[in-house]
Amino acid sequence: QFELAYGSLPIANGTLISVPAPRDIAYVQGFGIGGQA
């Protein structure tokens, strides 16, 4: 869903994509980032 929200490939390094999750919180994933992000 992060790729689809960004709308093209590849996703630029240093980008954090956020998409809606239940109860108005968010699913997130960082691209070109190490660790938990």
PDB file of all heavy atoms in Angstrom:
ATOM      1  N   GLN A   1       0.829  -1.200   0.000  1.00  0.00           N
ATOM      2  CA  GLN A   1       0.000   0.000   0.000  1.00  0.00           C
ATOM      3  C   GLN A   1       0.867   1.254   0.000  1.00  0.00           C
ATOM      4  O   GLN A   1       0.451   2.308  -0.478  1.00  0.00           O
ATOM      5  CB  GLN A   1      -0.919  -0.008   1.219  1.00  0.00           C
ATOM      6  CG  GLN A   1      -2.298   0.559   0.963  1.00  0.00           C
ATOM      7  CD  GLN A   1      -3.073  -0.249  -0.068  1.00  0.00           C
ATOM      8  OE1 GLN A   1      -3.016  -1.474  -0.045  1.00  0.00           O
ATOM      9  NE2 GLN A   1      -3.791   0.421  -0.942  1.00  0.00           N
ATOM     10  N   PHE A   2       2.099   1.134   0.505  1.00  0.00           N
ATOM     11  CA  PHE A   2       3.012   2.277   0.506  1.00  0.00           C
ATOM     12  C   PHE A   2       3.457   2.597  -0.923  1.00  0.00           C
ATOM     13  O   PHE A   2       3.530   3.760  -1.325  1.00  0.00           O
ATOM     14  CB  PHE A   2       4.218   1.989   1.395  1.00  0.00           C
ATOM     15  CG  PHE A   2       3.834   1.544   2.787  1.00  0.00           C
ATOM     16  CD1 PHE A   2       3.969   0.222   3.173  1.00  0.00           C
ATOM     17  CD2 PHE A   2       3.302   2.450   3.701  1.00  0.00           C
ATOM     18  CE1 PHE A   2       3.607  -0.191   4.445  1.00  0.00           C
ATOM     19  CE2 PHE A   2       2.933   2.047   4.981  1.00  0.00           C
ATOM     20  CZ  PHE A   2       3.085   0.724   5.345  1.00  0.00           C
ATOM     21  N   GLU A   3       3.752   1.567  -1.703  1.00  0.00           N
ATOM     22  CA  GLU A   3       4.108   1.782  -3.102  1.00  0.00           C
ATOM     23  C   GLU A   3       2.938   2.384  -3.877  1.00  0.00           C
ATOM     24  O   GLU A   3       3.110   3.319  -4.669  1.00  0.00           O
ATOM     25  CB  GLU A   3       4.533   0.456  -3.741  1.00  0.00           C
ATOM     26  CG  GLU A   3       5.835  -0.097  -3.208  1.00  0.00           C
ATOM     27  CD  GLU A   3       6.134  -1.489  -3.731  1.00  0.00           C
ATOM     28  OE1 GLU A   3       5.224  -2.346  -3.737  1.00  0.00           O
ATOM     29  OE2 GLU A   3       7.285  -1.717  -4.135  1.00  0.00           O
ATOM     30  N   LEU A   4       1.742   1.859  -3.629  1.00  0.00           N
ATOM     31  CA  LEU A   4       0.567   2.351  -4.344  1.00  0.00           C
ATOM     32  C   LEU A   4       0.260   3.800  -3.967  1.00  0.00           C
ATOM     33  O   LEU A   4      -0.125   4.605  -4.815  1.00  0.00           O
ATOM     34  CB  LEU A   4      -0.635   1.463  -4.038  1.00  0.00           C
ATOM     35  CG  LEU A   4      -0.552   0.040  -4.605  1.00  0.00           C
ATOM     36  CD1 LEU A   4      -1.660  -0.829  -4.021  1.00  0.00           C
ATOM     37  CD2 LEU A   4      -0.644   0.059  -6.119  1.00  0.00           C
ATOM     38  N   ALA A   5       0.445   4.153  -2.697  1.00  0.00           N
ATOM     39  CA  ALA A   5       0.193   5.523  -2.272  1.00  0.00           C
ATOM     40  C   ALA A   5       1.201   6.486  -2.887  1.00  0.00           C
ATOM     41  O   ALA A   5       0.867   7.616  -3.244  1.00  0.00           O
ATOM     42  CB  ALA A   5       0.230   5.610  -0.750  1.00  0.00           C
ATOM     43  N   TYR A   6       2.446   6.051  -3.032  1.00  0.00           N
ATOM     44  CA  TYR A   6       3.479   6.888  -3.651  1.00  0.00           C
ATOM     45  C   TYR A   6       3.190   7.075  -5.135  1.00  0.00           C
ATOM     46  O   TYR A   6       3.409   8.134  -5.702  1.00  0.00           O
ATOM     47  CB  TYR A   6       4.844   6.242  -3.441  1.00  0.00           C
ATOM     48  CG  TYR A   6       6.016   7.121  -3.820  1.00  0.00           C
ATOM     49  CD1 TYR A   6       6.404   8.184  -3.002  1.00  0.00           C
ATOM     50  CD2 TYR A   6       6.756   6.875  -4.974  1.00  0.00           C
ATOM     51  CE1 TYR A   6       7.491   8.974  -3.331  1.00  0.00           C
ATOM     52  CE2 TYR A   6       7.834   7.655  -5.314  1.00  0.00           C
ATOM     53  CZ  TYR A   6       8.201   8.704  -4.486  1.00  0.00           C
ATOM     54  OH  TYR A   6       9.281   9.497  -4.817  1.00  0.00           O
ATOM     55  N   GLY A   7       2.729   6.003  -5.786  1.00  0.00           N
ATOM     56  CA  GLY A   7       2.235   6.110  -7.149  1.00  0.00           C
ATOM     57  C   GLY A   7       3.210   5.811  -8.255  1.00  0.00           C
ATOM     58  O   GLY A   7       2.837   5.840  -9.426  1.00  0.00           O
ATOM     59  N   SER A   8       4.460   5.512  -7.914  1.00  0.00           N
ATOM     60  CA  SER A   8       5.439   5.165  -8.940  1.00  0.00           C
ATOM     61  C   SER A   8       6.578   4.408  -8.287  1.00  0.00           C
ATOM     62  O   SER A   8       6.708   4.378  -7.063  1.00  0.00           O
ATOM     63  CB  SER A   8       5.971   6.416  -9.663  1.00  0.00           C
ATOM     64  OG  SER A   8       6.654   7.265  -8.766  1.00  0.00           O
ATOM     65  N   LEU A   9       7.431   3.808  -9.121  1.00  0.00           N
ATOM     66  CA  LEU A   9       8.589   3.053  -8.626  1.00  0.00           C
ATOM     67  C   LEU A   9       9.854   3.586  -9.287  1.00  0.00           C
ATOM     68  O   LEU A   9       9.832   3.975 -10.450  1.00  0.00           O
ATOM     69  CB  LEU A   9       8.427   1.565  -8.954  1.00  0.00           C
ATOM     70  CG  LEU A   9       7.262   0.846  -8.271  1.00  0.00           C
ATOM     71  CD1 LEU A   9       7.108  -0.564  -8.836  1.00  0.00           C
ATOM     72  CD2 LEU A   9       7.471   0.790  -6.766  1.00  0.00           C
ATOM     73  N   PRO A  10      10.984   3.582  -8.551  1.00  0.00           N
ATOM     74  CA  PRO A  10      11.099   3.243  -7.130  1.00  0.00           C
ATOM     75  C   PRO A  10      10.714   4.428  -6.250  1.00  0.00           C
ATOM     76  O   PRO A  10      10.636   5.560  -6.727  1.00  0.00           O
ATOM     77  CB  PRO A  10      12.584   2.911  -6.988  1.00  0.00           C
ATOM     78  CG  PRO A  10      13.253   3.823  -7.979  1.00  0.00           C
ATOM     79  CD  PRO A  10      12.307   3.890  -9.163  1.00  0.00           C
ATOM     80  N   ILE A  11      10.501   4.167  -4.966  1.00  0.00           N
ATOM     81  CA  ILE A  11      10.234   5.242  -4.013  1.00  0.00           C
ATOM     82  C   ILE A  11      11.559   5.889  -3.645  1.00  0.00           C
ATOM     83  O   ILE A  11      12.545   5.204  -3.370  1.00  0.00           O
ATOM     84  CB  ILE A  11       9.528   4.696  -2.762  1.00  0.00           C
ATOM     85  CG1 ILE A  11       8.144   4.142  -3.151  1.00  0.00           C
ATOM     86  CG2 ILE A  11       9.374   5.773  -1.696  1.00  0.00           C
ATOM     87  CD1 ILE A  11       7.381   3.534  -2.001  1.00  0.00           C
ATOM     88  N   ALA A  12      11.596   7.211  -3.657  1.00  0.00           N
ATOM     89  CA  ALA A  12      12.838   7.937  -3.391  1.00  0.00           C
ATOM     90  C   ALA A  12      13.359   7.639  -1.989  1.00  0.00           C
ATOM     91  O   ALA A  12      12.592   7.581  -1.019  1.00  0.00           O
ATOM     92  CB  ALA A  12      12.605   9.433  -3.557  1.00  0.00           C
ATOM     93  N   ASN A  13      14.670   7.442  -1.883  1.00  0.00           N
ATOM     94  CA  ASN A  13      15.292   7.233  -0.577  1.00  0.00           C
ATOM     95  C   ASN A  13      15.017   8.426   0.336  1.00  0.00           C
ATOM     96  O   ASN A  13      14.968   9.571  -0.114  1.00  0.00           O
ATOM     97  CB  ASN A  13      16.797   7.045  -0.732  1.00  0.00           C
ATOM     98  CG  ASN A  13      17.158   5.685  -1.289  1.00  0.00           C
ATOM     99  OD1 ASN A  13      16.323   4.782  -1.343  1.00  0.00           O
ATOM    100  ND2 ASN A  13      18.396   5.523  -1.717  1.00  0.00           N
ATOM    101  N   GLY A  14      14.847   8.140   1.613  1.00  0.00           N
ATOM    102  CA  GLY A  14      14.588   9.204   2.569  1.00  0.00           C
ATOM    103  C   GLY A  14      13.140   9.625   2.631  1.00  0.00           C
ATOM    104  O   GLY A  14      12.827  10.715   3.115  1.00  0.00           O
ATOM    105  N   THR A  15      12.233   8.767   2.139  1.00  0.00           N
ATOM    106  CA  THR A  15      10.808   9.069   2.153  1.00  0.00           C
ATOM    107  C   THR A  15      10.095   8.141   3.129  1.00  0.00           C
ATOM    108  O   THR A  15      10.313   6.933   3.115  1.00  0.00           O
ATOM    109  CB  THR A  15      10.193   8.894   0.754  1.00  0.00           C
ATOM    110  OG1 THR A  15      10.876   9.725  -0.175  1.00  0.00           O
ATOM    111  CG2 THR A  15       8.719   9.269   0.762  1.00  0.00           C
ATOM    112  N   LEU A  16       9.268   8.726   3.969  1.00  0.00           N
ATOM    113  CA  LEU A  16       8.410   7.950   4.865  1.00  0.00           C
ATOM    114  C   LEU A  16       6.989   8.071   4.344  1.00  0.00           C
ATOM    115  O   LEU A  16       6.450   9.179   4.228  1.00  0.00           O
ATOM    116  CB  LEU A  16       8.490   8.475   6.300  1.00  0.00           C
ATOM    117  CG  LEU A  16       7.712   7.643   7.329  1.00  0.00           C
ATOM    118  CD1 LEU A  16       8.526   6.429   7.754  1.00  0.00           C
ATOM    119  CD2 LEU A  16       7.352   8.468   8.555  1.00  0.00           C
ATOM    120  N   ILE A  17       6.382   6.931   3.986  1.00  0.00           N
ATOM    121  CA  ILE A  17       5.014   6.913   3.475  1.00  0.00           C
ATOM    122  C   ILE A  17       4.074   6.533   4.616  1.00  0.00           C
ATOM    123  O   ILE A  17       4.335   5.588   5.363  1.00  0.00           O
ATOM    124  CB  ILE A  17       4.852   5.908   2.327  1.00  0.00           C
ATOM    125  CG1 ILE A  17       5.865   6.178   1.213  1.00  0.00           C
ATOM    126  CG2 ILE A  17       3.428   5.947   1.779  1.00  0.00           C
ATOM    127  CD1 ILE A  17       5.672   7.480   0.501  1.00  0.00           C
ATOM    128  N   SER A  18       2.969   7.277   4.735  1.00  0.00           N
ATOM    129  CA  SER A  18       1.969   7.025   5.773  1.00  0.00           C
ATOM    130  C   SER A  18       0.613   6.785   5.122  1.00  0.00           C
ATOM    131  O   SER A  18       0.172   7.575   4.283  1.00  0.00           O
ATOM    132  CB  SER A  18       1.881   8.232   6.717  1.00  0.00           C
ATOM    133  OG  SER A  18       0.824   8.080   7.655  1.00  0.00           O
ATOM    134  N   VAL A  19      -0.030   5.686   5.487  1.00  0.00           N
ATOM    135  CA  VAL A  19      -1.368   5.381   4.971  1.00  0.00           C
ATOM    136  C   VAL A  19      -2.303   5.152   6.152  1.00  0.00           C
ATOM    137  O   VAL A  19      -1.867   4.775   7.238  1.00  0.00           O
ATOM    138  CB  VAL A  19      -1.351   4.144   4.033  1.00  0.00           C
ATOM    139  CG1 VAL A  19      -0.482   4.403   2.815  1.00  0.00           C
ATOM    140  CG2 VAL A  19      -0.864   2.909   4.768  1.00  0.00           C
ATOM    141  N   PRO A  20      -3.605   5.387   5.953  1.00  0.00           N
ATOM    142  CA  PRO A  20      -4.544   5.298   7.088  1.00  0.00           C
ATOM    143  C   PRO A  20      -4.634   3.892   7.663  1.00  0.00           C
ATOM    144  O   PRO A  20      -4.603   2.894   6.940  1.00  0.00           O
ATOM    145  CB  PRO A  20      -5.881   5.721   6.469  1.00  0.00           C
ATOM    146  CG  PRO A  20      -5.533   6.486   5.249  1.00  0.00           C
ATOM    147  CD  PRO A  20      -4.266   5.863   4.731  1.00  0.00           C
ATOM    148  N   ALA A  21      -4.751   3.836   8.974  1.00  0.00           N
ATOM    149  CA  ALA A  21      -4.989   2.600   9.713  1.00  0.00           C
ATOM    150  C   ALA A  21      -6.260   2.799  10.539  1.00  0.00           C
ATOM    151  O   ALA A  21      -6.765   3.918  10.649  1.00  0.00           O
ATOM    152  CB  ALA A  21      -3.797   2.279  10.615  1.00  0.00           C
ATOM    153  N   PRO A  22      -6.802   1.727  11.114  1.00  0.00           N
ATOM    154  CA  PRO A  22      -8.017   1.878  11.921  1.00  0.00           C
ATOM    155  C   PRO A  22      -7.847   2.901  13.045  1.00  0.00           C
ATOM    156  O   PRO A  22      -6.752   3.139  13.534  1.00  0.00           O
ATOM    157  CB  PRO A  22      -8.235   0.465  12.480  1.00  0.00           C
ATOM    158  CG  PRO A  22      -7.569  -0.438  11.494  1.00  0.00           C
ATOM    159  CD  PRO A  22      -6.378   0.323  11.003  1.00  0.00           C
ATOM    160  N   ARG A  23      -8.948   3.523  13.428  1.00  0.00           N
ATOM    161  CA  ARG A  23      -9.007   4.494  14.530  1.00  0.00           C
ATOM    162  C   ARG A  23      -8.138   5.719  14.270  1.00  0.00           C
ATOM    163  O   ARG A  23      -7.570   6.306  15.187  1.00  0.00           O
ATOM    164  CB  ARG A  23      -8.639   3.825  15.862  1.00  0.00           C
ATOM    165  CG  ARG A  23      -9.673   2.757  16.286  1.00  0.00           C
ATOM    166  CD  ARG A  23      -9.273   2.065  17.568  1.00  0.00           C
ATOM    167  NE  ARG A  23      -8.133   1.186  17.379  1.00  0.00           N
ATOM    168  CZ  ARG A  23      -8.203  -0.039  16.886  1.00  0.00           C
ATOM    169  NH1 ARG A  23      -9.380  -0.548  16.528  1.00  0.00           N
ATOM    170  NH2 ARG A  23      -7.119  -0.778  16.756  1.00  0.00           N
ATOM    171  N   ASP A  24      -8.018   6.102  12.984  1.00  0.00           N
ATOM    172  CA  ASP A  24      -7.334   7.323  12.565  1.00  0.00           C
ATOM    173  C   ASP A  24      -5.863   7.348  12.956  1.00  0.00           C
ATOM    174  O   ASP A  24      -5.272   8.412  13.129  1.00  0.00           O
ATOM    175  CB  ASP A  24      -8.038   8.568  13.106  1.00  0.00           C
ATOM    176  CG  ASP A  24      -7.617   9.835  12.361  1.00  0.00           C
ATOM    177  OD1 ASP A  24      -7.385   9.744  11.135  1.00  0.00           O
ATOM    178  OD2 ASP A  24      -7.515  10.902  12.996  1.00  0.00           O
ATOM    179  N   ILE A  25      -5.253   6.183  13.121  1.00  0.00           N
ATOM    180  CA  ILE A  25      -3.804   6.162  13.283  1.00  0.00           C
ATOM    181  C   ILE A  25      -3.192   5.832  11.925  1.00  0.00           C
ATOM    182  O   ILE A  25      -3.818   6.043  10.898  1.00  0.00           O
ATOM    183  CB  ILE A  25      -3.365   5.214  14.422  1.00  0.00           C
ATOM    184  CG1 ILE A  25      -3.894   3.802  14.206  1.00  0.00           C
ATOM    185  CG2 ILE A  25      -3.839   5.752  15.755  1.00  0.00           C
ATOM    186  CD1 ILE A  25      -3.421   2.851  15.295  1.00  0.00           C
ATOM    187  N   ALA A  26      -1.961   5.364  11.873  1.00  0.00           N
ATOM    188  CA  ALA A  26      -1.294   5.252  10.577  1.00  0.00           C
ATOM    189  C   ALA A  26      -0.401   4.021  10.498  1.00  0.00           C
ATOM    190  O   ALA A  26       0.202   3.597  11.491  1.00  0.00           O
ATOM    191  CB  ALA A  26      -0.462   6.503  10.306  1.00  0.00           C
ATOM    192  N   TYR A  27      -0.342   3.457   9.281  1.00  0.00           N
ATOM    193  CA  TYR A  27       0.716   2.517   8.928  1.00  0.00           C
ATOM    194  C   TYR A  27       1.808   3.326   8.237  1.00  0.00           C
ATOM    195  O   TYR A  27       1.519   4.145   7.347  1.00  0.00           O
ATOM    196  CB  TYR A  27       0.215   1.462   7.942  1.00  0.00           C
ATOM    197  CG  TYR A  27      -0.887   0.565   8.432  1.00  0.00           C
ATOM    198  CD1 TYR A  27      -2.148   0.601   7.838  1.00  0.00           C
ATOM    199  CD2 TYR A  27      -0.675  -0.341   9.470  1.00  0.00           C
ATOM    200  CE1 TYR A  27      -3.166  -0.241   8.254  1.00  0.00           C
ATOM    201  CE2 TYR A  27      -1.691  -1.192   9.896  1.00  0.00           C
ATOM    202  CZ  TYR A  27      -2.932  -1.136   9.290  1.00  0.00           C
ATOM    203  OH  TYR A  27      -3.937  -1.967   9.717  1.00  0.00           O
ATOM    204  N   VAL A  28       3.055   3.110   8.619  1.00  0.00           N
ATOM    205  CA  VAL A  28       4.150   3.850   7.994  1.00  0.00           C
ATOM    206  C   VAL A  28       5.273   2.914   7.603  1.00  0.00           C
ATOM    207  O   VAL A  28       5.458   1.841   8.194  1.00  0.00           O
ATOM    208  CB  VAL A  28       4.716   4.953   8.925  1.00  0.00           C
ATOM    209  CG1 VAL A  28       3.650   5.992   9.248  1.00  0.00           C
ATOM    210  CG2 VAL A  28       5.288   4.362  10.204  1.00  0.00           C
ATOM    211  N   GLN A  29       6.023   3.317   6.595  1.00  0.00           N
ATOM    212  CA  GLN A  29       7.246   2.617   6.233  1.00  0.00           C
ATOM    213  C   GLN A  29       8.195   3.615   5.592  1.00  0.00           C
ATOM    214  O   GLN A  29       7.793   4.432   4.758  1.00  0.00           O
ATOM    215  CB  GLN A  29       6.996   1.463   5.270  1.00  0.00           C
ATOM    216  CG  GLN A  29       8.275   0.674   4.948  1.00  0.00           C
ATOM    217  CD  GLN A  29       8.017  -0.586   4.147  1.00  0.00           C
ATOM    218  OE1 GLN A  29       6.872  -0.913   3.828  1.00  0.00           O
ATOM    219  NE2 GLN A  29       9.064  -1.303   3.816  1.00  0.00           N
ATOM    220  N   GLY A  30       9.465   3.550   5.993  1.00  0.00           N
ATOM    221  CA  GLY A  30      10.493   4.403   5.424  1.00  0.00           C
ATOM    222  C   GLY A  30      11.263   3.675   4.340  1.00  0.00           C
ATOM    223  O   GLY A  30      11.474   2.463   4.415  1.00  0.00           O
ATOM    224  N   PHE A  31      11.697   4.408   3.334  1.00  0.00           N
ATOM    225  CA  PHE A  31      12.444   3.829   2.219  1.00  0.00           C
ATOM    226  C   PHE A  31      13.829   4.461   2.148  1.00  0.00           C
ATOM    227  O   PHE A  31      13.978   5.667   2.247  1.00  0.00           O
ATOM    228  CB  PHE A  31      11.669   4.030   0.912  1.00  0.00           C
ATOM    229  CG  PHE A  31      10.400   3.225   0.875  1.00  0.00           C
ATOM    230  CD1 PHE A  31       9.247   3.693   1.491  1.00  0.00           C
ATOM    231  CD2 PHE A  31      10.373   1.971   0.278  1.00  0.00           C
ATOM    232  CE1 PHE A  31       8.085   2.942   1.496  1.00  0.00           C
ATOM    233  CE2 PHE A  31       9.214   1.208   0.281  1.00  0.00           C
ATOM    234  CZ  PHE A  31       8.072   1.702   0.886  1.00  0.00           C
ATOM    235  N   GLY A  32      14.841   3.590   1.993  1.00  0.00           N
ATOM    236  CA  GLY A  32      16.214   4.049   2.024  1.00  0.00           C
ATOM    237  C   GLY A  32      16.659   4.413   3.422  1.00  0.00           C
ATOM    238  O   GLY A  32      17.547   5.242   3.611  1.00  0.00           O
ATOM    239  N   ILE A  33      16.037   3.784   4.423  1.00  0.00           N
ATOM    240  CA  ILE A  33      16.326   4.066   5.824  1.00  0.00           C
ATOM    241  C   ILE A  33      16.586   2.745   6.530  1.00  0.00           C
ATOM    242  O   ILE A  33      15.905   1.760   6.284  1.00  0.00           O
ATOM    243  CB  ILE A  33      15.124   4.757   6.508  1.00  0.00           C
ATOM    244  CG1 ILE A  33      14.617   5.919   5.655  1.00  0.00           C
ATOM    245  CG2 ILE A  33      15.478   5.232   7.906  1.00  0.00           C
ATOM    246  CD1 ILE A  33      13.240   6.370   6.050  1.00  0.00           C
ATOM    247  N   GLY A  34      17.548   2.742   7.406  1.00  0.00           N
ATOM    248  CA  GLY A  34      17.825   1.522   8.151  1.00  0.00           C
ATOM    249  C   GLY A  34      17.001   1.435   9.421  1.00  0.00           C
ATOM    250  O   GLY A  34      16.203   2.320   9.737  1.00  0.00           O
ATOM    251  N   GLY A  35      17.204   0.359  10.163  1.00  0.00           N
ATOM    252  CA  GLY A  35      16.574   0.192  11.461  1.00  0.00           C
ATOM    253  C   GLY A  35      15.072   0.019  11.395  1.00  0.00           C
ATOM    254  O   GLY A  35      14.494  -0.383  10.392  1.00  0.00           O
ATOM    255  N   GLN A  36      14.406   0.386  12.512  1.00  0.00           N
ATOM    256  CA  GLN A  36      12.963   0.197  12.625  1.00  0.00           C
ATOM    257  C   GLN A  36      12.187   1.012  11.600  1.00  0.00           C
ATOM    258  O   GLN A  36      11.107   0.620  11.177  1.00  0.00           O
ATOM    259  CB  GLN A  36      12.504   0.586  14.037  1.00  0.00           C
ATOM    260  CG  GLN A  36      12.962  -0.360  15.127  1.00  0.00           C
ATOM    261  CD  GLN A  36      12.286  -1.712  15.028  1.00  0.00           C
ATOM    262  OE1 GLN A  36      11.131  -1.805  14.648  1.00  0.00           O
ATOM    263  NE2 GLN A  36      13.007  -2.763  15.366  1.00  0.00           N
ATOM    264  N   ALA A  37      12.724   2.169  11.192  1.00  0.00           N
ATOM    265  CA  ALA A  37      12.000   3.034  10.262  1.00  0.00           C
ATOM    266  C   ALA A  37      11.795   2.377   8.910  1.00  0.00           C
ATOM    267  O   ALA A  37      10.891   2.736   8.170  1.00  0.00           O
ATOM    268  CB  ALA A  37      12.738   4.361  10.084  1.00  0.00           C
TER     269      ALA A  37
END
